Amino acid sequence: PIVEVGCGANAYWAKWMHNEANVDVVAFDVSLNEGGKISGSKKTNKSDSSNKTQNKKKGLVIREGGPEMLSEDPDINDRTLFLCYP
């Protein structure tokens, strides 16, 4: 099981790990609508509504929150922290 902090509005890596490798993922971002956007970029990063709830396939959860969730949420204590950029 994996936990990702800073997954961005589209939760690209969390979704990829879950959909392509069948990994159990809980992902967080401080802003599910604006997360991962680079200010000043002319490209738009549209977020779909599935980012705000549990994915229909079991094992992918995307929640609002930041690094503080690692110590505040007892359900993720046994997960491996996934870090990447970008």
PDB file of N, CA and C in Angstrom:
ATOM      1  N   PRO A   1       0.824  -1.202   0.000  1.00  0.00           N
ATOM      2  CA  PRO A   1       0.000   0.000   0.000  1.00  0.00           C
ATOM      3  C   PRO A   1       0.865   1.263   0.000  1.00  0.00           C
ATOM      4  N   ILE A   2       0.403   2.278  -0.718  1.00  0.00           N
ATOM      5  CA  ILE A   2       1.165   3.516  -0.930  1.00  0.00           C
ATOM      6  C   ILE A   2       0.355   4.710  -0.426  1.00  0.00           C
ATOM      7  N   VAL A   3       1.062   5.744   0.061  1.00  0.00           N
ATOM      8  CA  VAL A   3       0.452   7.042   0.312  1.00  0.00           C
ATOM      9  C   VAL A   3       1.272   8.070  -0.467  1.00  0.00           C
ATOM     10  N   GLU A   4       0.573   8.969  -1.158  1.00  0.00           N
ATOM     11  CA  GLU A   4       1.236  10.039  -1.920  1.00  0.00           C
ATOM     12  C   GLU A   4       0.734  11.373  -1.399  1.00  0.00           C
ATOM     13  N   VAL A   5       1.655  12.259  -1.074  1.00  0.00           N
ATOM     14  CA  VAL A   5       1.314  13.606  -0.629  1.00  0.00           C
ATOM     15  C   VAL A   5       1.731  14.569  -1.725  1.00  0.00           C
ATOM     16  N   GLY A   6       0.798  15.408  -2.168  1.00  0.00           N
ATOM     17  CA  GLY A   6       1.074  16.339  -3.260  1.00  0.00           C
ATOM     18  C   GLY A   6       0.788  15.702  -4.605  1.00  0.00           C
ATOM     19  N   CYS A   7      -0.329  15.022  -4.707  1.00  0.00           N
ATOM     20  CA  CYS A   7      -0.648  14.274  -5.932  1.00  0.00           C
ATOM     21  C   CYS A   7      -1.064  15.171  -7.088  1.00  0.00           C
ATOM     22  N   GLY A   8      -1.416  16.425  -6.819  1.00  0.00           N
ATOM     23  CA  GLY A   8      -1.853  17.326  -7.881  1.00  0.00           C
ATOM     24  C   GLY A   8      -3.323  17.132  -8.210  1.00  0.00           C
ATOM     25  N   ALA A   9      -3.864  18.069  -8.959  1.00  0.00           N
ATOM     26  CA  ALA A   9      -5.292  18.051  -9.276  1.00  0.00           C
ATOM     27  C   ALA A   9      -5.703  16.829 -10.083  1.00  0.00           C
ATOM     28  N   ASN A  10      -4.819  16.339 -10.925  1.00  0.00           N
ATOM     29  CA  ASN A  10      -5.189  15.183 -11.748  1.00  0.00           C
ATOM     30  C   ASN A  10      -4.718  13.860 -11.153  1.00  0.00           C
ATOM     31  N   ALA A  11      -3.961  13.888 -10.080  1.00  0.00           N
ATOM     32  CA  ALA A  11      -3.479  12.684  -9.386  1.00  0.00           C
ATOM     33  C   ALA A  11      -2.891  11.671 -10.369  1.00  0.00           C
ATOM     34  N   TYR A  12      -2.071  12.158 -11.286  1.00  0.00           N
ATOM     35  CA  TYR A  12      -1.553  11.324 -12.380  1.00  0.00           C
ATOM     36  C   TYR A  12      -0.880  10.043 -11.893  1.00  0.00           C
ATOM     37  N   TRP A  13       0.111  10.167 -11.006  1.00  0.00           N
ATOM     38  CA  TRP A  13       0.864   8.982 -10.588  1.00  0.00           C
ATOM     39  C   TRP A  13       0.017   8.046  -9.742  1.00  0.00           C
ATOM     40  N   ALA A  14      -0.821   8.584  -8.880  1.00  0.00           N
ATOM     41  CA  ALA A  14      -1.696   7.739  -8.065  1.00  0.00           C
ATOM     42  C   ALA A  14      -2.627   6.928  -8.964  1.00  0.00           C
ATOM     43  N   LYS A  15      -3.218   7.593  -9.946  1.00  0.00           N
ATOM     44  CA  LYS A  15      -4.111   6.885 -10.872  1.00  0.00           C
ATOM     45  C   LYS A  15      -3.343   5.870 -11.699  1.00  0.00           C
ATOM     46  N   TRP A  16      -2.146   6.235 -12.147  1.00  0.00           N
ATOM     47  CA  TRP A  16      -1.368   5.301 -12.963  1.00  0.00           C
ATOM     48  C   TRP A  16      -1.005   4.053 -12.151  1.00  0.00           C
ATOM     49  N   MET A  17      -0.490   4.269 -10.922  1.00  0.00           N
ATOM     50  CA  MET A  17      -0.118   3.119 -10.095  1.00  0.00           C
ATOM     51  C   MET A  17      -1.319   2.211  -9.843  1.00  0.00           C
ATOM     52  N   HIS A  18      -2.459   2.820  -9.596  1.00  0.00           N
ATOM     53  CA  HIS A  18      -3.657   2.044  -9.307  1.00  0.00           C
ATOM     54  C   HIS A  18      -4.180   1.314 -10.553  1.00  0.00           C
ATOM     55  N   ASN A  19      -4.318   2.053 -11.643  1.00  0.00           N
ATOM     56  CA  ASN A  19      -4.931   1.478 -12.847  1.00  0.00           C
ATOM     57  C   ASN A  19      -4.012   0.533 -13.606  1.00  0.00           C
ATOM     58  N   GLU A  20      -2.729   0.837 -13.672  1.00  0.00           N
ATOM     59  CA  GLU A  20      -1.809   0.028 -14.462  1.00  0.00           C
ATOM     60  C   GLU A  20      -1.116  -1.076 -13.663  1.00  0.00           C
ATOM     61  N   ALA A  21      -0.878  -0.831 -12.370  1.00  0.00           N
ATOM     62  CA  ALA A  21      -0.139  -1.806 -11.569  1.00  0.00           C
ATOM     63  C   ALA A  21      -0.971  -2.384 -10.421  1.00  0.00           C
ATOM     64  N   ASN A  22      -2.233  -1.958 -10.349  1.00  0.00           N
ATOM     65  CA  ASN A  22      -3.157  -2.461  -9.327  1.00  0.00           C
ATOM     66  C   ASN A  22      -2.642  -2.233  -7.905  1.00  0.00           C
ATOM     67  N   VAL A  23      -2.038  -1.055  -7.679  1.00  0.00           N
ATOM     68  CA  VAL A  23      -1.495  -0.691  -6.368  1.00  0.00           C
ATOM     69  C   VAL A  23      -2.592  -0.025  -5.538  1.00  0.00           C
ATOM     70  N   ASP A  24      -2.642  -0.345  -4.265  1.00  0.00           N
ATOM     71  CA  ASP A  24      -3.560   0.277  -3.319  1.00  0.00           C
ATOM     72  C   ASP A  24      -2.966   1.637  -2.936  1.00  0.00           C
ATOM     73  N   VAL A  25      -3.631   2.743  -3.323  1.00  0.00           N
ATOM     74  CA  VAL A  25      -3.078   4.087  -3.150  1.00  0.00           C
ATOM     75  C   VAL A  25      -4.062   4.997  -2.418  1.00  0.00           C
ATOM     76  N   VAL A  26      -3.544   5.740  -1.440  1.00  0.00           N
ATOM     77  CA  VAL A  26      -4.249   6.872  -0.848  1.00  0.00           C
ATOM     78  C   VAL A  26      -3.414   8.095  -1.188  1.00  0.00           C
ATOM     79  N   ALA A  27      -4.027   9.071  -1.864  1.00  0.00           N
ATOM     80  CA  ALA A  27      -3.291  10.254  -2.320  1.00  0.00           C
ATOM     81  C   ALA A  27      -3.902  11.518  -1.720  1.00  0.00           C
ATOM     82  N   PHE A  28      -3.040  12.493  -1.419  1.00  0.00           N
ATOM     83  CA  PHE A  28      -3.470  13.765  -0.841  1.00  0.00           C
ATOM     84  C   PHE A  28      -2.933  14.931  -1.655  1.00  0.00           C
ATOM     85  N   ASP A  29      -3.694  16.010  -1.685  1.00  0.00           N
ATOM     86  CA  ASP A  29      -3.205  17.287  -2.184  1.00  0.00           C
ATOM     87  C   ASP A  29      -3.922  18.384  -1.421  1.00  0.00           C
ATOM     88  N   VAL A  30      -3.245  19.490  -1.167  1.00  0.00           N
ATOM     89  CA  VAL A  30      -3.846  20.578  -0.388  1.00  0.00           C
ATOM     90  C   VAL A  30      -4.990  21.245  -1.138  1.00  0.00           C
ATOM     91  N   SER A  31      -4.985  21.165  -2.452  1.00  0.00           N
ATOM     92  CA  SER A  31      -6.067  21.728  -3.258  1.00  0.00           C
ATOM     93  C   SER A  31      -6.370  20.793  -4.415  1.00  0.00           C
ATOM     94  N   LEU A  32      -7.479  20.098  -4.327  1.00  0.00           N
ATOM     95  CA  LEU A  32      -7.821  19.140  -5.375  1.00  0.00           C
ATOM     96  C   LEU A  32      -8.208  19.821  -6.684  1.00  0.00           C
ATOM     97  N   ASN A  33      -8.559  21.105  -6.634  1.00  0.00           N
ATOM     98  CA  ASN A  33      -8.909  21.832  -7.854  1.00  0.00           C
ATOM     99  C   ASN A  33      -7.716  22.538  -8.482  1.00  0.00           C
ATOM    100  N   GLU A  34      -6.783  22.986  -7.660  1.00  0.00           N
ATOM    101  CA  GLU A  34      -5.666  23.783  -8.154  1.00  0.00           C
ATOM    102  C   GLU A  34      -4.311  23.102  -8.009  1.00  0.00           C
ATOM    103  N   GLY A  35      -4.228  22.006  -7.312  1.00  0.00           N
ATOM    104  CA  GLY A  35      -2.967  21.332  -7.040  1.00  0.00           C
ATOM    105  C   GLY A  35      -2.223  20.943  -8.300  1.00  0.00           C
ATOM    106  N   GLY A  36      -0.911  21.132  -8.278  1.00  0.00           N
ATOM    107  CA  GLY A  36      -0.073  20.728  -9.396  1.00  0.00           C
ATOM    108  C   GLY A  36       0.016  21.722 -10.535  1.00  0.00           C
ATOM    109  N   LYS A  37      -0.739  22.804 -10.452  1.00  0.00           N
ATOM    110  CA  LYS A  37      -0.676  23.796 -11.516  1.00  0.00           C
ATOM    111  C   LYS A  37       0.544  24.683 -11.323  1.00  0.00           C
ATOM    112  N   ILE A  38       1.186  25.007 -12.414  1.00  0.00           N
ATOM    113  CA  ILE A  38       2.344  25.889 -12.375  1.00  0.00           C
ATOM    114  C   ILE A  38       1.862  27.290 -12.705  1.00  0.00           C
ATOM    115  N   SER A  39       2.050  28.237 -11.791  1.00  0.00           N
ATOM    116  CA  SER A  39       1.572  29.592 -12.016  1.00  0.00           C
ATOM    117  C   SER A  39       2.305  30.213 -13.196  1.00  0.00           C
ATOM    118  N   GLY A  40       1.550  30.935 -13.988  1.00  0.00           N
ATOM    119  CA  GLY A  40       2.119  31.560 -15.164  1.00  0.00           C
ATOM    120  C   GLY A  40       2.068  30.669 -16.393  1.00  0.00           C
ATOM    121  N   SER A  41       1.654  29.444 -16.238  1.00  0.00           N
ATOM    122  CA  SER A  41       1.556  28.523 -17.367  1.00  0.00           C
ATOM    123  C   SER A  41       0.329  28.859 -18.195  1.00  0.00           C
ATOM    124  N   LYS A  42       0.462  28.793 -19.511  1.00  0.00           N
ATOM    125  CA  LYS A  42      -0.670  29.056 -20.387  1.00  0.00           C
ATOM    126  C   LYS A  42      -1.536  27.821 -20.567  1.00  0.00           C
ATOM    127  N   LYS A  43      -1.028  26.671 -20.191  1.00  0.00           N
ATOM    128  CA  LYS A  43      -1.800  25.445 -20.301  1.00  0.00           C
ATOM    129  C   LYS A  43      -2.799  25.369 -19.158  1.00  0.00           C
ATOM    130  N   THR A  44      -3.939  24.754 -19.414  1.00  0.00           N
ATOM    131  CA  THR A  44      -4.910  24.552 -18.356  1.00  0.00           C
ATOM    132  C   THR A  44      -4.847  23.115 -17.899  1.00  0.00           C
ATOM    133  N   ASN A  45      -5.044  22.937 -16.626  1.00  0.00           N
ATOM    134  CA  ASN A  45      -5.010  21.602 -16.026  1.00  0.00           C
ATOM    135  C   ASN A  45      -6.390  21.315 -15.471  1.00  0.00           C
ATOM    136  N   LYS A  46      -7.272  20.758 -16.275  1.00  0.00           N
ATOM    137  CA  LYS A  46      -8.641  20.522 -15.849  1.00  0.00           C
ATOM    138  C   LYS A  46      -8.708  19.315 -14.941  1.00  0.00           C
ATOM    139  N   SER A  47      -9.455  19.479 -13.867  1.00  0.00           N
ATOM    140  CA  SER A  47      -9.636  18.405 -12.895  1.00  0.00           C
ATOM    141  C   SER A  47     -10.988  17.759 -13.105  1.00  0.00           C
ATOM    142  N   ASP A  48     -11.042  16.419 -13.052  1.00  0.00           N
ATOM    143  CA  ASP A  48     -12.334  15.767 -13.138  1.00  0.00           C
ATOM    144  C   ASP A  48     -12.851  15.489 -11.733  1.00  0.00           C
ATOM    145  N   SER A  49     -14.164  15.309 -11.622  1.00  0.00           N
ATOM    146  CA  SER A  49     -14.786  15.184 -10.310  1.00  0.00           C
ATOM    147  C   SER A  49     -14.383  13.911  -9.587  1.00  0.00           C
ATOM    148  N   SER A  50     -13.828  12.921 -10.274  1.00  0.00           N
ATOM    149  CA  SER A  50     -13.435  11.681  -9.598  1.00  0.00           C
ATOM    150  C   SER A  50     -12.286  11.905  -8.627  1.00  0.00           C
ATOM    151  N   ASN A  51     -11.579  13.045  -8.729  1.00  0.00           N
ATOM    152  CA  ASN A  51     -10.458  13.335  -7.830  1.00  0.00           C
ATOM    153  C   ASN A  51     -10.910  13.601  -6.403  1.00  0.00           C
ATOM    154  N   LYS A  52     -12.177  13.883  -6.199  1.00  0.00           N
ATOM    155  CA  LYS A  52     -12.647  14.293  -4.890  1.00  0.00           C
ATOM    156  C   LYS A  52     -13.257  13.152  -4.098  1.00  0.00           C
ATOM    157  N   THR A  53     -13.363  11.991  -4.670  1.00  0.00           N
ATOM    158  CA  THR A  53     -13.986  10.869  -3.987  1.00  0.00           C
ATOM    159  C   THR A  53     -13.162   9.612  -4.210  1.00  0.00           C
ATOM    160  N   GLN A  54     -13.644   8.534  -3.658  1.00  0.00           N
ATOM    161  CA  GLN A  54     -12.953   7.264  -3.877  1.00  0.00           C
ATOM    162  C   GLN A  54     -13.203   6.812  -5.307  1.00  0.00           C
ATOM    163  N   ASN A  55     -12.153   6.336  -5.962  1.00  0.00           N
ATOM    164  CA  ASN A  55     -12.264   5.833  -7.320  1.00  0.00           C
ATOM    165  C   ASN A  55     -13.204   4.643  -7.338  1.00  0.00           C
ATOM    166  N   LYS A  56     -13.910   4.463  -8.462  1.00  0.00           N
ATOM    167  CA  LYS A  56     -14.863   3.362  -8.565  1.00  0.00           C
ATOM    168  C   LYS A  56     -14.193   2.004  -8.393  1.00  0.00           C
ATOM    169  N   LYS A  57     -12.950   1.881  -8.837  1.00  0.00           N
ATOM    170  CA  LYS A  57     -12.206   0.651  -8.617  1.00  0.00           C
ATOM    171  C   LYS A  57     -11.650   0.703  -7.195  1.00  0.00           C
ATOM    172  N   LYS A  58     -11.803  -0.372  -6.459  1.00  0.00           N
ATOM    173  CA  LYS A  58     -11.341  -0.406  -5.072  1.00  0.00           C
ATOM    174  C   LYS A  58      -9.825  -0.184  -4.992  1.00  0.00           C
ATOM    175  N   GLY A  59      -9.403   0.603  -4.000  1.00  0.00           N
ATOM    176  CA  GLY A  59      -7.985   0.756  -3.743  1.00  0.00           C
ATOM    177  C   GLY A  59      -7.396   2.096  -4.115  1.00  0.00           C
ATOM    178  N   LEU A  60      -8.192   3.031  -4.628  1.00  0.00           N
ATOM    179  CA  LEU A  60      -7.664   4.367  -4.912  1.00  0.00           C
ATOM    180  C   LEU A  60      -8.535   5.388  -4.204  1.00  0.00           C
ATOM    181  N   VAL A  61      -7.927   6.134  -3.282  1.00  0.00           N
ATOM    182  CA  VAL A  61      -8.630   7.180  -2.558  1.00  0.00           C
ATOM    183  C   VAL A  61      -7.834   8.464  -2.714  1.00  0.00           C
ATOM    184  N   ILE A  62      -8.507   9.548  -3.106  1.00  0.00           N
ATOM    185  CA  ILE A  62      -7.852  10.846  -3.265  1.00  0.00           C
ATOM    186  C   ILE A  62      -8.557  11.817  -2.321  1.00  0.00           C
ATOM    187  N   ARG A  63      -7.772  12.405  -1.412  1.00  0.00           N
ATOM    188  CA  ARG A  63      -8.334  13.269  -0.371  1.00  0.00           C
ATOM    189  C   ARG A  63      -7.626  14.615  -0.345  1.00  0.00           C
ATOM    190  N   GLU A  64      -8.326  15.595   0.217  1.00  0.00           N
ATOM    191  CA  GLU A  64      -7.712  16.905   0.417  1.00  0.00           C
ATOM    192  C   GLU A  64      -6.870  16.853   1.686  1.00  0.00           C
ATOM    193  N   GLY A  65      -5.642  17.342   1.598  1.00  0.00           N
ATOM    194  CA  GLY A  65      -4.748  17.368   2.754  1.00  0.00           C
ATOM    195  C   GLY A  65      -3.309  17.486   2.314  1.00  0.00           C
ATOM    196  N   GLY A  66      -2.459  17.778   3.252  1.00  0.00           N
ATOM    197  CA  GLY A  66      -1.038  17.943   2.964  1.00  0.00           C
ATOM    198  C   GLY A  66      -0.193  17.011   3.811  1.00  0.00           C
ATOM    199  N   PRO A  67       1.071  17.358   4.026  1.00  0.00           N
ATOM    200  CA  PRO A  67       1.990  16.499   4.761  1.00  0.00           C
ATOM    201  C   PRO A  67       1.546  16.215   6.196  1.00  0.00           C
ATOM    202  N   GLU A  68       0.754  17.097   6.774  1.00  0.00           N
ATOM    203  CA  GLU A  68       0.275  16.870   8.137  1.00  0.00           C
ATOM    204  C   GLU A  68      -0.567  15.603   8.245  1.00  0.00           C
ATOM    205  N   MET A  69      -1.131  15.161   7.133  1.00  0.00           N
ATOM    206  CA  MET A  69      -1.958  13.958   7.138  1.00  0.00           C
ATOM    207  C   MET A  69      -1.145  12.710   7.493  1.00  0.00           C
ATOM    208  N   LEU A  70       0.150  12.750   7.247  1.00  0.00           N
ATOM    209  CA  LEU A  70       0.991  11.590   7.550  1.00  0.00           C
ATOM    210  C   LEU A  70       0.995  11.273   9.045  1.00  0.00           C
ATOM    211  N   SER A  71       0.862  12.292   9.884  1.00  0.00           N
ATOM    212  CA  SER A  71       0.843  12.055  11.322  1.00  0.00           C
ATOM    213  C   SER A  71      -0.570  12.097  11.904  1.00  0.00           C
ATOM    214  N   GLU A  72      -1.510  12.673  11.178  1.00  0.00           N
ATOM    215  CA  GLU A  72      -2.872  12.827  11.699  1.00  0.00           C
ATOM    216  C   GLU A  72      -3.807  11.683  11.338  1.00  0.00           C
ATOM    217  N   ASP A  73      -3.546  10.963  10.281  1.00  0.00           N
ATOM    218  CA  ASP A  73      -4.457   9.924   9.804  1.00  0.00           C
ATOM    219  C   ASP A  73      -3.911   8.543  10.158  1.00  0.00           C
ATOM    220  N   PRO A  74      -4.469   7.874  11.169  1.00  0.00           N
ATOM    221  CA  PRO A  74      -3.937   6.574  11.597  1.00  0.00           C
ATOM    222  C   PRO A  74      -4.109   5.469  10.543  1.00  0.00           C
ATOM    223  N   ASP A  75      -5.004   5.667   9.580  1.00  0.00           N
ATOM    224  CA  ASP A  75      -5.234   4.654   8.545  1.00  0.00           C
ATOM    225  C   ASP A  75      -4.091   4.552   7.544  1.00  0.00           C
ATOM    226  N   ILE A  76      -3.169   5.520   7.544  1.00  0.00           N
ATOM    227  CA  ILE A  76      -2.083   5.475   6.556  1.00  0.00           C
ATOM    228  C   ILE A  76      -0.715   5.195   7.178  1.00  0.00           C
ATOM    229  N   ASN A  77      -0.673   4.897   8.454  1.00  0.00           N
ATOM    230  CA  ASN A  77       0.607   4.658   9.138  1.00  0.00           C
ATOM    231  C   ASN A  77       1.394   3.485   8.579  1.00  0.00           C
ATOM    232  N   ASP A  78       0.724   2.507   8.021  1.00  0.00           N
ATOM    233  CA  ASP A  78       1.416   1.320   7.526  1.00  0.00           C
ATOM    234  C   ASP A  78       1.701   1.380   6.026  1.00  0.00           C
ATOM    235  N   ARG A  79       1.509   2.538   5.416  1.00  0.00           N
ATOM    236  CA  ARG A  79       1.728   2.692   3.972  1.00  0.00           C
ATOM    237  C   ARG A  79       3.119   3.248   3.682  1.00  0.00           C
ATOM    238  N   THR A  80       3.633   2.950   2.515  1.00  0.00           N
ATOM    239  CA  THR A  80       4.917   3.477   2.060  1.00  0.00           C
ATOM    240  C   THR A  80       4.686   4.832   1.406  1.00  0.00           C
ATOM    241  N   LEU A  81       5.498   5.821   1.772  1.00  0.00           N
ATOM    242  CA  LEU A  81       5.371   7.161   1.218  1.00  0.00           C
ATOM    243  C   LEU A  81       5.997   7.203  -0.183  1.00  0.00           C
ATOM    244  N   PHE A  82       5.196   7.630  -1.161  1.00  0.00           N
ATOM    245  CA  PHE A  82       5.652   7.767  -2.543  1.00  0.00           C
ATOM    246  C   PHE A  82       5.930   9.241  -2.814  1.00  0.00           C
ATOM    247  N   LEU A  83       7.155   9.551  -3.242  1.00  0.00           N
ATOM    248  CA  LEU A  83       7.546  10.918  -3.576  1.00  0.00           C
ATOM    249  C   LEU A  83       8.077  10.957  -4.996  1.00  0.00           C
ATOM    250  N   CYS A  84       7.652  11.955  -5.751  1.00  0.00           N
ATOM    251  CA  CYS A  84       8.186  12.119  -7.108  1.00  0.00           C
ATOM    252  C   CYS A  84       8.012  13.574  -7.533  1.00  0.00           C
ATOM    253  N   TYR A  85       8.765  13.969  -8.537  1.00  0.00           N
ATOM    254  CA  TYR A  85       8.614  15.288  -9.124  1.00  0.00           C
ATOM    255  C   TYR A  85       9.071  15.215 -10.573  1.00  0.00           C
ATOM    256  N   PRO A  86       8.336  15.705 -11.454  1.00  0.00           N
ATOM    257  CA  PRO A  86       6.906  16.016 -11.463  1.00  0.00           C
ATOM    258  C   PRO A  86       6.093  14.803 -11.631  1.00  0.00           C
TER     259      PRO A  86
END
